[in-house]
Structures are given as structure tokens and as C-alpha cells.
PDB file of N, CA and C in Angstrom:
ATOM      1  N   MET A   1      75.534 -79.892 110.354  1.00  0.00           N
ATOM      2  CA  MET A   1      76.123 -80.782 111.346  1.00  0.00           C
ATOM      3  C   MET A   1      75.301 -81.173 112.553  1.00  0.00           C
ATOM      4  N   ALA A   2      74.373 -80.337 112.819  1.00  0.00           N
ATOM      5  CA  ALA A   2      73.374 -81.144 113.864  1.00  0.00           C
ATOM      6  C   ALA A   2      72.958 -82.269 113.317  1.00  0.00           C
ATOM      7  N   TYR A   3      72.422 -82.409 111.952  1.00  0.00           N
ATOM      8  CA  TYR A   3      71.938 -83.368 111.423  1.00  0.00           C
ATOM      9  C   TYR A   3      72.841 -84.973 111.765  1.00  0.00           C
ATOM     10  N   LEU A   4      73.918 -84.726 111.330  1.00  0.00           N
ATOM     11  CA  LEU A   4      74.801 -85.759 111.248  1.00  0.00           C
ATOM     12  C   LEU A   4      75.177 -86.006 112.544  1.00  0.00           C
ATOM     13  N   GLY A   5      75.334 -85.323 113.733  1.00  0.00           N
ATOM     14  CA  GLY A   5      75.568 -85.443 115.101  1.00  0.00           C
ATOM     15  C   GLY A   5      74.212 -86.066 115.856  1.00  0.00           C
ATOM     16  N   VAL A   6      72.912 -85.755 115.279  1.00  0.00           N
ATOM     17  CA  VAL A   6      71.777 -86.302 115.858  1.00  0.00           C
ATOM     18  C   VAL A   6      71.965 -87.944 115.241  1.00  0.00           C
ATOM     19  N   LYS A   7      71.925 -88.129 113.947  1.00  0.00           N
ATOM     20  CA  LYS A   7      71.826 -89.337 113.441  1.00  0.00           C
ATOM     21  C   LYS A   7      72.840 -90.426 113.961  1.00  0.00           C
ATOM     22  N   TYR A   8      74.159 -89.684 114.021  1.00  0.00           N
ATOM     23  CA  TYR A   8      75.197 -91.102 114.873  1.00  0.00           C
ATOM     24  C   TYR A   8      74.639 -91.301 116.438  1.00  0.00           C
ATOM     25  N   TRP A   9      74.284 -90.207 117.109  1.00  0.00           N
ATOM     26  CA  TRP A   9      74.010 -90.486 118.424  1.00  0.00           C
ATOM     27  C   TRP A   9      72.556 -91.395 118.157  1.00  0.00           C
ATOM     28  N   ALA A  10      71.734 -91.341 117.307  1.00  0.00           N
ATOM     29  CA  ALA A  10      70.564 -92.129 117.436  1.00  0.00           C
ATOM     30  C   ALA A  10      70.990 -93.424 117.345  1.00  0.00           C
ATOM     31  N   ARG A  11      71.661 -93.765 115.901  1.00  0.00           N
ATOM     32  CA  ARG A  11      72.542 -95.053 115.635  1.00  0.00           C
ATOM     33  C   ARG A  11      73.059 -95.722 116.857  1.00  0.00           C
ATOM     34  N   LEU A  12      73.702 -94.939 117.640  1.00  0.00           N
ATOM     35  CA  LEU A  12      74.798 -95.566 118.721  1.00  0.00           C
ATOM     36  C   LEU A  12      73.804 -95.699 119.933  1.00  0.00           C
ATOM     37  N   TYR A  13      72.703 -94.718 120.329  1.00  0.00           N
ATOM     38  CA  TYR A  13      71.982 -95.136 121.542  1.00  0.00           C
ATOM     39  C   TYR A  13      70.706 -95.557 121.457  1.00  0.00           C
ATOM     40  N   CYS A  14      69.915 -95.150 120.524  1.00  0.00           N
ATOM     41  CA  CYS A  14      68.490 -95.587 120.302  1.00  0.00           C
ATOM     42  C   CYS A  14      68.448 -96.100 118.819  1.00  0.00           C
ATOM     43  N   PRO A  15      68.825 -97.226 118.468  1.00  0.00           N
ATOM     44  CA  PRO A  15      68.770 -97.497 116.922  1.00  0.00           C
ATOM     45  C   PRO A  15      67.152 -97.931 116.833  1.00  0.00           C
ATOM     46  N   GLU A  16      66.422 -98.309 117.758  1.00  0.00           N
ATOM     47  CA  GLU A  16      65.052 -98.614 117.410  1.00  0.00           C
ATOM     48  C   GLU A  16      64.143 -97.291 117.194  1.00  0.00           C
ATOM     49  N   VAL A  17      64.484 -96.365 117.338  1.00  0.00           N
ATOM     50  CA  VAL A  17      63.633 -95.027 116.912  1.00  0.00           C
ATOM     51  C   VAL A  17      63.968 -95.015 115.284  1.00  0.00           C
ATOM     52  N   ILE A  18      65.272 -95.112 114.917  1.00  0.00           N
ATOM     53  CA  ILE A  18      65.166 -95.408 113.359  1.00  0.00           C
ATOM     54  C   ILE A  18      64.582 -96.146 112.441  1.00  0.00           C
ATOM     55  N   LEU A  19      64.401 -97.158 113.193  1.00  0.00           N
ATOM     56  CA  LEU A  19      63.641 -98.457 112.647  1.00  0.00           C
ATOM     57  C   LEU A  19      64.628 -99.131 111.259  1.00  0.00           C
ATOM     58  N   GLY A  20      65.764 -98.969 111.035  1.00  0.00           N
ATOM     59  CA  GLY A  20      66.064 -99.646 109.972  1.00  0.00           C
ATOM     60  C   GLY A  20      66.253 -98.550 108.743  1.00  0.00           C
ATOM     61  N   VAL A  21      66.138 -97.125 108.805  1.00  0.00           N
ATOM     62  CA  VAL A  21      66.211 -96.443 107.832  1.00  0.00           C
ATOM     63  C   VAL A  21      67.570 -95.884 107.885  1.00  0.00           C
ATOM     64  N   TYR A  22      68.091 -95.980 106.678  1.00  0.00           N
ATOM     65  CA  TYR A  22      69.634 -95.686 106.274  1.00  0.00           C
ATOM     66  C   TYR A  22      69.771 -94.408 105.379  1.00  0.00           C
ATOM     67  N   SER A  23      70.546 -93.566 105.532  1.00  0.00           N
ATOM     68  CA  SER A  23      70.770 -92.555 104.399  1.00  0.00           C
ATOM     69  C   SER A  23      71.933 -93.229 103.226  1.00  0.00           C
ATOM     70  N   PRO A  24      71.820 -92.698 102.284  1.00  0.00           N
ATOM     71  CA  PRO A  24      72.756 -93.034 101.100  1.00  0.00           C
ATOM     72  C   PRO A  24      74.064 -93.340 101.608  1.00  0.00           C
ATOM     73  N   ASP A  25      74.531 -92.254 102.035  1.00  0.00           N
ATOM     74  CA  ASP A  25      75.963 -92.103 102.640  1.00  0.00           C
ATOM     75  C   ASP A  25      76.415 -93.639 103.536  1.00  0.00           C
ATOM     76  N   GLU A  26      75.248 -93.880 104.088  1.00  0.00           N
ATOM     77  CA  GLU A  26      75.519 -94.963 105.123  1.00  0.00           C
ATOM     78  C   GLU A  26      75.330 -96.501 104.500  1.00  0.00           C
ATOM     79  N   VAL A  27      74.811 -96.309 103.337  1.00  0.00           N
ATOM     80  CA  VAL A  27      74.475 -97.738 102.512  1.00  0.00           C
ATOM     81  C   VAL A  27      75.959 -97.852 101.548  1.00  0.00           C
ATOM     82  N   GLU A  28      76.323 -96.891 101.090  1.00  0.00           N
ATOM     83  CA  GLU A  28      77.287 -97.198 100.188  1.00  0.00           C
ATOM     84  C   GLU A  28      78.500 -97.561 100.581  1.00  0.00           C
ATOM     85  N   GLN A  29      79.177 -98.578 100.141  1.00  0.00           N
ATOM     86  CA  GLN A  29      80.496 -99.193 100.607  1.00  0.00           C
ATOM     87  C   GLN A  29      81.762 -98.001 100.202  1.00  0.00           C
ATOM     88  N   ARG A  30      82.322 -97.848 101.174  1.00  0.00           N
ATOM     89  CA  ARG A  30      83.483 -97.189 101.092  1.00  0.00           C
ATOM     90  C   ARG A  30      84.621 -97.703 100.549  1.00  0.00           C
ATOM     91  N   GLU A  31      85.578 -97.092  99.674  1.00  0.00           N
ATOM     92  CA  GLU A  31      86.578 -97.657  99.076  1.00  0.00           C
ATOM     93  C   GLU A  31      87.937 -97.185  99.870  1.00  0.00           C
ATOM     94  N   GLU A  32      88.857 -97.956  99.963  1.00  0.00           N
ATOM     95  CA  GLU A  32      90.014 -97.532 100.840  1.00  0.00           C
ATOM     96  C   GLU A  32      90.940 -96.922  99.701  1.00  0.00           C
ATOM     97  N   ARG A  33      91.608 -95.780  99.968  1.00  0.00           N
ATOM     98  CA  ARG A  33      92.440 -95.195  99.085  1.00  0.00           C
ATOM     99  C   ARG A  33      93.859 -95.380  99.382  1.00  0.00           C
ATOM    100  N   GLU A  34      94.357 -95.574  98.007  1.00  0.00           N
ATOM    101  CA  GLU A  34      96.071 -96.361  98.350  1.00  0.00           C
ATOM    102  C   GLU A  34      96.542 -94.957  98.622  1.00  0.00           C
ATOM    103  N   ILE A  35      97.344 -95.319  99.645  1.00  0.00           N
ATOM    104  CA  ILE A  35      98.253 -94.264  99.951  1.00  0.00           C
ATOM    105  C   ILE A  35      99.762 -94.334  99.769  1.00  0.00           C
ATOM    106  N   ASN A  36     100.043 -95.731  99.623  1.00  0.00           N
ATOM    107  CA  ASN A  36     101.328 -96.087  99.246  1.00  0.00           C
ATOM    108  C   ASN A  36     101.647 -95.814  97.748  1.00  0.00           C
ATOM    109  N   PRO A  37     102.574 -95.499  97.009  1.00  0.00           N
ATOM    110  CA  PRO A  37     103.004 -95.765  95.766  1.00  0.00           C
ATOM    111  C   PRO A  37     103.347 -97.168  95.383  1.00  0.00           C
ATOM    112  N   ALA A  38     103.071 -97.178  93.967  1.00  0.00           N
ATOM    113  CA  ALA A  38     103.340 -98.689  93.360  1.00  0.00           C
ATOM    114  C   ALA A  38     104.870 -98.871  93.313  1.00  0.00           C
ATOM    115  N   PRO A  39     105.372-100.196  93.975  1.00  0.00           N
ATOM    116  CA  PRO A  39     106.647-100.497  93.663  1.00  0.00           C
ATOM    117  C   PRO A  39     107.338-100.190  92.805  1.00  0.00           C
ATOM    118  N   VAL A  40     108.760 -99.527  92.496  1.00  0.00           N
ATOM    119  CA  VAL A  40     109.155 -99.672  91.171  1.00  0.00           C
ATOM    120  C   VAL A  40     109.663-100.995  90.703  1.00  0.00           C
ATOM    121  N   GLN A  41     109.390-101.266  89.498  1.00  0.00           N
ATOM    122  CA  GLN A  41     109.930-102.094  89.053  1.00  0.00           C
ATOM    123  C   GLN A  41     111.519-102.428  89.259  1.00  0.00           C
ATOM    124  N   ARG A  42     112.037-103.687  89.225  1.00  0.00           N
ATOM    125  CA  ARG A  42     113.542-103.711  89.417  1.00  0.00           C
ATOM    126  C   ARG A  42     113.730-104.358  87.912  1.00  0.00           C
ATOM    127  N   MET A  43     115.382-103.915  87.875  1.00  0.00           N
ATOM    128  CA  MET A  43     115.912-103.876  86.534  1.00  0.00           C
ATOM    129  C   MET A  43     116.747-105.410  86.661  1.00  0.00           C
ATOM    130  N   SER A  44     116.771-106.199  85.548  1.00  0.00           N
ATOM    131  CA  SER A  44     117.676-107.230  85.646  1.00  0.00           C
ATOM    132  C   SER A  44     119.178-106.805  85.402  1.00  0.00           C
ATOM    133  N   VAL A  45     120.103-107.667  85.487  1.00  0.00           N
ATOM    134  CA  VAL A  45     121.562-107.446  84.938  1.00  0.00           C
ATOM    135  C   VAL A  45     121.449-107.246  83.621  1.00  0.00           C
ATOM    136  N   GLN A  46     121.003-107.931  82.642  1.00  0.00           N
ATOM    137  CA  GLN A  46     120.511-108.012  81.311  1.00  0.00           C
ATOM    138  C   GLN A  46     120.375-106.487  80.797  1.00  0.00           C
ATOM    139  N   GLU A  47     119.201-106.362  81.370  1.00  0.00           N
ATOM    140  CA  GLU A  47     118.621-104.868  81.016  1.00  0.00           C
ATOM    141  C   GLU A  47     119.863-103.763  81.351  1.00  0.00           C
ATOM    142  N   ILE A  48     120.344-103.834  82.310  1.00  0.00           N
ATOM    143  CA  ILE A  48     121.705-103.023  82.649  1.00  0.00           C
ATOM    144  C   ILE A  48     122.748-102.946  81.694  1.00  0.00           C
ATOM    145  N   THR A  49     123.071-104.042  81.447  1.00  0.00           N
ATOM    146  CA  THR A  49     124.183-104.381  80.278  1.00  0.00           C
ATOM    147  C   THR A  49     123.828-103.852  78.834  1.00  0.00           C
ATOM    148  N   SER A  50     122.553-103.976  78.897  1.00  0.00           N
ATOM    149  CA  SER A  50     121.856-103.689  77.217  1.00  0.00           C
ATOM    150  C   SER A  50     121.928-102.171  77.267  1.00  0.00           C
ATOM    151  N   GLU A  51     121.883-101.352  78.292  1.00  0.00           N
ATOM    152  CA  GLU A  51     121.608 -99.967  78.224  1.00  0.00           C
ATOM    153  C   GLU A  51     123.228 -99.492  78.157  1.00  0.00           C
ATOM    154  N   VAL A  52     124.137-100.235  78.720  1.00  0.00           N
ATOM    155  CA  VAL A  52     125.698 -99.604  78.759  1.00  0.00           C
ATOM    156  C   VAL A  52     126.150 -99.931  77.126  1.00  0.00           C
ATOM    157  N   SER A  53     125.815-101.024  76.478  1.00  0.00           N
ATOM    158  CA  SER A  53     125.891-101.148  74.940  1.00  0.00           C
ATOM    159  C   SER A  53     125.435-100.004  74.472  1.00  0.00           C
ATOM    160  N   THR A  54     123.943 -99.478  74.362  1.00  0.00           N
ATOM    161  CA  THR A  54     123.394 -98.486  73.679  1.00  0.00           C
ATOM    162  C   THR A  54     124.334 -97.297  73.999  1.00  0.00           C
ATOM    163  N   ARG A  55     124.651 -97.203  75.230  1.00  0.00           N
ATOM    164  CA  ARG A  55     125.132 -95.893  75.067  1.00  0.00           C
ATOM    165  C   ARG A  55     126.567 -95.930  74.718  1.00  0.00           C
ATOM    166  N   THR A  56     127.135 -96.841  74.379  1.00  0.00           N
ATOM    167  CA  THR A  56     128.550 -97.165  73.952  1.00  0.00           C
ATOM    168  C   THR A  56     128.693 -96.970  72.350  1.00  0.00           C
ATOM    169  N   SER A  57     127.275 -97.554  71.701  1.00  0.00           N
ATOM    170  CA  SER A  57     127.245 -97.476  70.437  1.00  0.00           C
ATOM    171  C   SER A  57     126.848 -96.047  70.288  1.00  0.00           C
ATOM    172  N   ALA A  58     126.238 -95.266  70.853  1.00  0.00           N
ATOM    173  CA  ALA A  58     125.846 -93.787  70.909  1.00  0.00           C
ATOM    174  C   ALA A  58     127.176 -93.096  70.554  1.00  0.00           C
ATOM    175  N   GLN A  59     128.083 -93.415  71.292  1.00  0.00           N
ATOM    176  CA  GLN A  59     129.321 -92.682  71.380  1.00  0.00           C
ATOM    177  C   GLN A  59     130.152 -92.936  69.983  1.00  0.00           C
ATOM    178  N   GLU A  60     129.766 -94.315  69.888  1.00  0.00           N
ATOM    179  CA  GLU A  60     130.831 -95.007  68.454  1.00  0.00           C
ATOM    180  C   GLU A  60     130.170 -94.086  67.483  1.00  0.00           C
ATOM    181  N   SER A  61     128.926 -93.717  67.352  1.00  0.00           N
ATOM    182  CA  SER A  61     128.245 -93.072  66.346  1.00  0.00           C
ATOM    183  C   SER A  61     128.789 -91.846  65.950  1.00  0.00           C
ATOM    184  N   ALA A  62     128.717 -90.912  67.508  1.00  0.00           N
ATOM    185  CA  ALA A  62     129.142 -89.708  67.323  1.00  0.00           C
ATOM    186  C   ALA A  62     130.594 -89.838  66.937  1.00  0.00           C
ATOM    187  N   ALA A  63     131.666 -90.481  67.389  1.00  0.00           N
ATOM    188  CA  ALA A  63     132.882 -90.500  66.966  1.00  0.00           C
ATOM    189  C   ALA A  63     132.828 -90.887  65.231  1.00  0.00           C
ATOM    190  N   ASN A  64     131.994 -91.352  64.816  1.00  0.00           N
ATOM    191  CA  ASN A  64     131.972 -91.820  63.440  1.00  0.00           C
ATOM    192  C   ASN A  64     131.507 -90.439  62.755  1.00  0.00           C
ATOM    193  N   VAL A  65     130.628 -89.812  63.174  1.00  0.00           N
ATOM    194  CA  VAL A  65     130.142 -88.775  62.550  1.00  0.00           C
ATOM    195  C   VAL A  65     131.251 -87.525  62.707  1.00  0.00           C
ATOM    196  N   ASP A  66     132.317 -87.564  63.725  1.00  0.00           N
ATOM    197  CA  ASP A  66     133.184 -86.375  63.787  1.00  0.00           C
ATOM    198  C   ASP A  66     134.006 -86.796  62.587  1.00  0.00           C
ATOM    199  N   ALA A  67     134.803 -88.217  62.554  1.00  0.00           N
ATOM    200  CA  ALA A  67     135.474 -88.693  61.562  1.00  0.00           C
ATOM    201  C   ALA A  67     135.180 -88.252  60.169  1.00  0.00           C
ATOM    202  N   VAL A  68     133.559 -88.615  59.702  1.00  0.00           N
ATOM    203  CA  VAL A  68     133.058 -88.014  58.378  1.00  0.00           C
ATOM    204  C   VAL A  68     132.991 -86.680  58.424  1.00  0.00           C
ATOM    205  N   ALA A  69     132.977 -86.121  59.250  1.00  0.00           N
ATOM    206  CA  ALA A  69     132.831 -84.493  59.090  1.00  0.00           C
ATOM    207  C   ALA A  69     134.480 -84.100  58.840  1.00  0.00           C
ATOM    208  N   ASP A  70     135.532 -84.508  59.731  1.00  0.00           N
ATOM    209  CA  ASP A  70     136.539 -84.139  59.381  1.00  0.00           C
ATOM    210  C   ASP A  70     137.269 -84.527  57.881  1.00  0.00           C
ATOM    211  N   ASP A  71     136.763 -85.604  57.434  1.00  0.00           N
ATOM    212  CA  ASP A  71     137.015 -86.143  56.231  1.00  0.00           C
ATOM    213  C   ASP A  71     136.698 -85.300  55.049  1.00  0.00           C
ATOM    214  N   LEU A  72     135.328 -84.734  55.238  1.00  0.00           N
ATOM    215  CA  LEU A  72     134.685 -83.946  54.530  1.00  0.00           C
ATOM    216  C   LEU A  72     135.425 -82.649  54.471  1.00  0.00           C
ATOM    217  N   ARG A  73     135.735 -81.872  55.831  1.00  0.00           N
ATOM    218  CA  ARG A  73     136.535 -80.617  55.876  1.00  0.00           C
ATOM    219  C   ARG A  73     137.816 -80.921  55.227  1.00  0.00           C
ATOM    220  N   GLU A  74     138.711 -81.845  55.255  1.00  0.00           N
ATOM    221  CA  GLU A  74     139.944 -82.010  54.666  1.00  0.00           C
ATOM    222  C   GLU A  74     139.766 -82.035  53.211  1.00  0.00           C
ATOM    223  N   ARG A  75     138.459 -82.680  52.752  1.00  0.00           N
ATOM    224  CA  ARG A  75     138.568 -82.731  51.290  1.00  0.00           C
ATOM    225  C   ARG A  75     138.003 -81.551  50.517  1.00  0.00           C
ATOM    226  N   ILE A  76     137.212 -80.465  51.622  1.00  0.00           N
ATOM    227  CA  ILE A  76     136.987 -79.281  50.903  1.00  0.00           C
ATOM    228  C   ILE A  76     138.212 -78.467  51.046  1.00  0.00           C
ATOM    229  N   ASP A  77     138.868 -78.201  52.089  1.00  0.00           N
ATOM    230  CA  ASP A  77     140.217 -77.748  51.978  1.00  0.00           C
ATOM    231  C   ASP A  77     141.283 -77.938  50.859  1.00  0.00           C
ATOM    232  N   THR A  78     141.425 -79.364  50.420  1.00  0.00           N
ATOM    233  CA  THR A  78     142.317 -79.815  49.266  1.00  0.00           C
ATOM    234  C   THR A  78     141.530 -79.627  48.010  1.00  0.00           C
ATOM    235  N   ALA A  79     140.324 -79.206  47.618  1.00  0.00           N
ATOM    236  CA  ALA A  79     139.961 -79.380  46.507  1.00  0.00           C
ATOM    237  C   ALA A  79     140.184 -78.151  45.534  1.00  0.00           C
ATOM    238  N   SER A  80     140.749 -78.587  44.423  1.00  0.00           N
ATOM    239  CA  SER A  80     141.415 -77.644  43.439  1.00  0.00           C
ATOM    240  C   SER A  80     140.530 -77.250  42.213  1.00  0.00           C
ATOM    241  N   SER A  81     139.310 -77.989  42.064  1.00  0.00           N
ATOM    242  CA  SER A  81     138.641 -77.591  40.982  1.00  0.00           C
ATOM    243  C   SER A  81     137.228 -77.499  41.384  1.00  0.00           C
ATOM    244  N   VAL A  82     136.612 -76.816  40.706  1.00  0.00           N
ATOM    245  CA  VAL A  82     135.046 -76.380  40.635  1.00  0.00           C
ATOM    246  C   VAL A  82     134.255 -78.166  40.845  1.00  0.00           C
ATOM    247  N   ASP A  83     134.656 -79.220  39.851  1.00  0.00           N
ATOM    248  CA  ASP A  83     134.098 -80.576  39.706  1.00  0.00           C
ATOM    249  C   ASP A  83     134.427 -81.280  41.004  1.00  0.00           C
ATOM    250  N   GLN A  84     135.585 -80.906  41.549  1.00  0.00           N
ATOM    251  CA  GLN A  84     135.756 -81.657  42.582  1.00  0.00           C
ATOM    252  C   GLN A  84     135.044 -81.106  43.818  1.00  0.00           C
ATOM    253  N   ALA A  85     134.658 -79.779  44.191  1.00  0.00           N
ATOM    254  CA  ALA A  85     133.866 -79.038  45.008  1.00  0.00           C
ATOM    255  C   ALA A  85     132.317 -79.603  44.900  1.00  0.00           C
ATOM    256  N   LYS A  86     131.885 -79.988  43.567  1.00  0.00           N
ATOM    257  CA  LYS A  86     130.782 -80.459  43.121  1.00  0.00           C
ATOM    258  C   LYS A  86     130.313 -81.750  43.898  1.00  0.00           C
ATOM    259  N   ALA A  87     131.343 -82.432  43.525  1.00  0.00           N
ATOM    260  CA  ALA A  87     131.459 -83.931  43.857  1.00  0.00           C
ATOM    261  C   ALA A  87     131.352 -83.936  45.580  1.00  0.00           C
ATOM    262  N   ILE A  88     132.166 -82.909  46.113  1.00  0.00           N
ATOM    263  CA  ILE A  88     132.282 -82.944  47.971  1.00  0.00           C
ATOM    264  C   ILE A  88     130.718 -82.679  48.001  1.00  0.00           C
ATOM    265  N   ARG A  89     130.105 -81.735  47.582  1.00  0.00           N
ATOM    266  CA  ARG A  89     128.939 -81.179  47.623  1.00  0.00           C
ATOM    267  C   ARG A  89     127.958 -82.303  47.649  1.00  0.00           C
ATOM    268  N   ALA A  90     127.731 -83.312  46.708  1.00  0.00           N
ATOM    269  CA  ALA A  90     126.892 -84.097  46.598  1.00  0.00           C
ATOM    270  C   ALA A  90     127.091 -85.277  47.663  1.00  0.00           C
ATOM    271  N   ASP A  91     128.371 -85.232  48.170  1.00  0.00           N
ATOM    272  CA  ASP A  91     128.854 -86.281  49.280  1.00  0.00           C
ATOM    273  C   ASP A  91     127.775 -85.764  50.466  1.00  0.00           C
ATOM    274  N   ILE A  92     128.018 -84.231  50.564  1.00  0.00           N
ATOM    275  CA  ILE A  92     127.447 -83.988  51.984  1.00  0.00           C
ATOM    276  C   ILE A  92     126.058 -84.114  51.948  1.00  0.00           C
ATOM    277  N   GLU A  93     125.445 -83.571  50.612  1.00  0.00           N
ATOM    278  CA  GLU A  93     124.082 -84.053  50.683  1.00  0.00           C
ATOM    279  C   GLU A  93     123.568 -85.685  50.976  1.00  0.00           C
ATOM    280  N   SER A  94     124.552 -86.423  50.364  1.00  0.00           N
ATOM    281  CA  SER A  94     124.110 -87.746  50.551  1.00  0.00           C
ATOM    282  C   SER A  94     124.050 -88.375  52.036  1.00  0.00           C
ATOM    283  N   GLN A  95     124.992 -87.474  53.016  1.00  0.00           N
ATOM    284  CA  GLN A  95     125.258 -87.754  54.417  1.00  0.00           C
ATOM    285  C   GLN A  95     124.472 -87.004  55.149  1.00  0.00           C
ATOM    286  N   LYS A  96     123.755 -85.964  54.497  1.00  0.00           N
ATOM    287  CA  LYS A  96     122.476 -85.108  55.522  1.00  0.00           C
ATOM    288  C   LYS A  96     122.413 -85.825  56.784  1.00  0.00           C
ATOM    289  N   ALA A  97     121.432 -86.696  56.787  1.00  0.00           N
ATOM    290  CA  ALA A  97     121.221 -87.608  58.167  1.00  0.00           C
ATOM    291  C   ALA A  97     122.086 -87.788  58.879  1.00  0.00           C
ATOM    292  N   LEU A  98     123.232 -88.273  58.643  1.00  0.00           N
ATOM    293  CA  LEU A  98     124.150 -88.738  59.378  1.00  0.00           C
ATOM    294  C   LEU A  98     124.894 -87.542  60.037  1.00  0.00           C
ATOM    295  N   LEU A  99     124.769 -86.541  59.391  1.00  0.00           N
ATOM    296  CA  LEU A  99     125.769 -85.216  59.872  1.00  0.00           C
ATOM    297  C   LEU A  99     124.806 -84.539  60.815  1.00  0.00           C
ATOM    298  N   GLY A 100     123.470 -84.556  60.693  1.00  0.00           N
ATOM    299  CA  GLY A 100     122.838 -83.544  61.534  1.00  0.00           C
ATOM    300  C   GLY A 100     122.612 -82.012  60.977  1.00  0.00           C
ATOM    301  N   THR A 101     121.899 -81.273  61.587  1.00  0.00           N
ATOM    302  CA  THR A 101     121.473 -79.817  61.014  1.00  0.00           C
ATOM    303  C   THR A 101     122.718 -79.022  60.919  1.00  0.00           C
ATOM    304  N   ALA A 102     123.456 -78.954  61.987  1.00  0.00           N
ATOM    305  CA  ALA A 102     124.506 -78.040  62.237  1.00  0.00           C
ATOM    306  C   ALA A 102     125.415 -78.323  61.470  1.00  0.00           C
ATOM    307  N   LEU A 103     126.217 -79.634  61.596  1.00  0.00           N
ATOM    308  CA  LEU A 103     127.520 -79.954  60.755  1.00  0.00           C
ATOM    309  C   LEU A 103     127.172 -79.926  59.231  1.00  0.00           C
ATOM    310  N   PHE A 104     125.658 -80.194  58.716  1.00  0.00           N
ATOM    311  CA  PHE A 104     125.363 -80.223  57.451  1.00  0.00           C
ATOM    312  C   PHE A 104     125.422 -78.725  56.819  1.00  0.00           C
ATOM    313  N   THR A 105     125.010 -77.837  57.337  1.00  0.00           N
ATOM    314  CA  THR A 105     124.931 -76.546  57.130  1.00  0.00           C
ATOM    315  C   THR A 105     126.178 -75.815  57.210  1.00  0.00           C
ATOM    316  N   GLU A 106     127.245 -76.343  58.174  1.00  0.00           N
ATOM    317  CA  GLU A 106     128.629 -75.746  58.024  1.00  0.00           C
ATOM    318  C   GLU A 106     129.276 -76.273  56.956  1.00  0.00           C
ATOM    319  N   LEU A 107     129.495 -77.664  56.910  1.00  0.00           N
ATOM    320  CA  LEU A 107     129.746 -78.082  55.311  1.00  0.00           C
ATOM    321  C   LEU A 107     129.416 -77.848  54.023  1.00  0.00           C
ATOM    322  N   LYS A 108     128.053 -77.637  53.946  1.00  0.00           N
ATOM    323  CA  LYS A 108     127.406 -77.088  52.902  1.00  0.00           C
ATOM    324  C   LYS A 108     127.895 -75.499  52.582  1.00  0.00           C
ATOM    325  N   ASN A 109     128.084 -75.057  53.597  1.00  0.00           N
ATOM    326  CA  ASN A 109     128.592 -73.549  53.332  1.00  0.00           C
ATOM    327  C   ASN A 109     129.865 -73.135  53.112  1.00  0.00           C
ATOM    328  N   LYS A 110     130.877 -74.433  53.446  1.00  0.00           N
ATOM    329  CA  LYS A 110     132.275 -74.381  53.009  1.00  0.00           C
ATOM    330  C   LYS A 110     132.298 -74.879  51.866  1.00  0.00           C
ATOM    331  N   ALA A 111     131.640 -76.117  51.264  1.00  0.00           N
ATOM    332  CA  ALA A 111     131.729 -76.496  50.017  1.00  0.00           C
ATOM    333  C   ALA A 111     130.976 -75.492  48.943  1.00  0.00           C
TER     334      ALA A 111
END
């Protein structure tokens, strides 16, 4: 600390003593730190409405999955032969991606 104090005092009050000799920290250019965060990008009306339509389509697909599951449950309950049960099981297998894991497992175990 004493070194820095002497250095600053010499620069300020008697620069001729130092004769233009600089230490590396005096020569390096200091960069300013960015203290303000980058501004948030604004959304357009079109982007907002597209998000609403995406949510609406997701809700519609959820309703579609429920309708398919209810239809399969009804078919399982009304099945009277082994061949009908096998056909229902094949339908359940073909719609595995649409139903999801929980519904697929439930319907598969019922059939």
C-alpha cells in the first residue's frame, strides 16, 4: 500500500522524478463494466396472438385425447368377444403416441 501511495503522490506532485516510467497497471486501458442489464426485447402483436393460438391448439389436442380415450373405454366396456378385445388392443397400440404413457397403460390393462 505504501508503494501505491508513493507512486500516486509522485505522479501528482513531482512527475519529473519518475521521468515517464509507468508501471503495467498504469499503461493498460481499463474497460468499463456494464452495470445495466440488456433491455428486454419487445414482442409484437403478431407474436402475442400466435402464442394464444398455440395454447388454444394445445387445449384442443388435450380435448381430442380425452375424446379418444373415452371412446376406447366405451369400446372396451361393450366388447363381447375376444376378437373385439384384440382389435381394441391393436387400436390402443396404434394410438400410443397420442395417448401418452398414463392413458396408454390404463387402456392397455383394461383391454
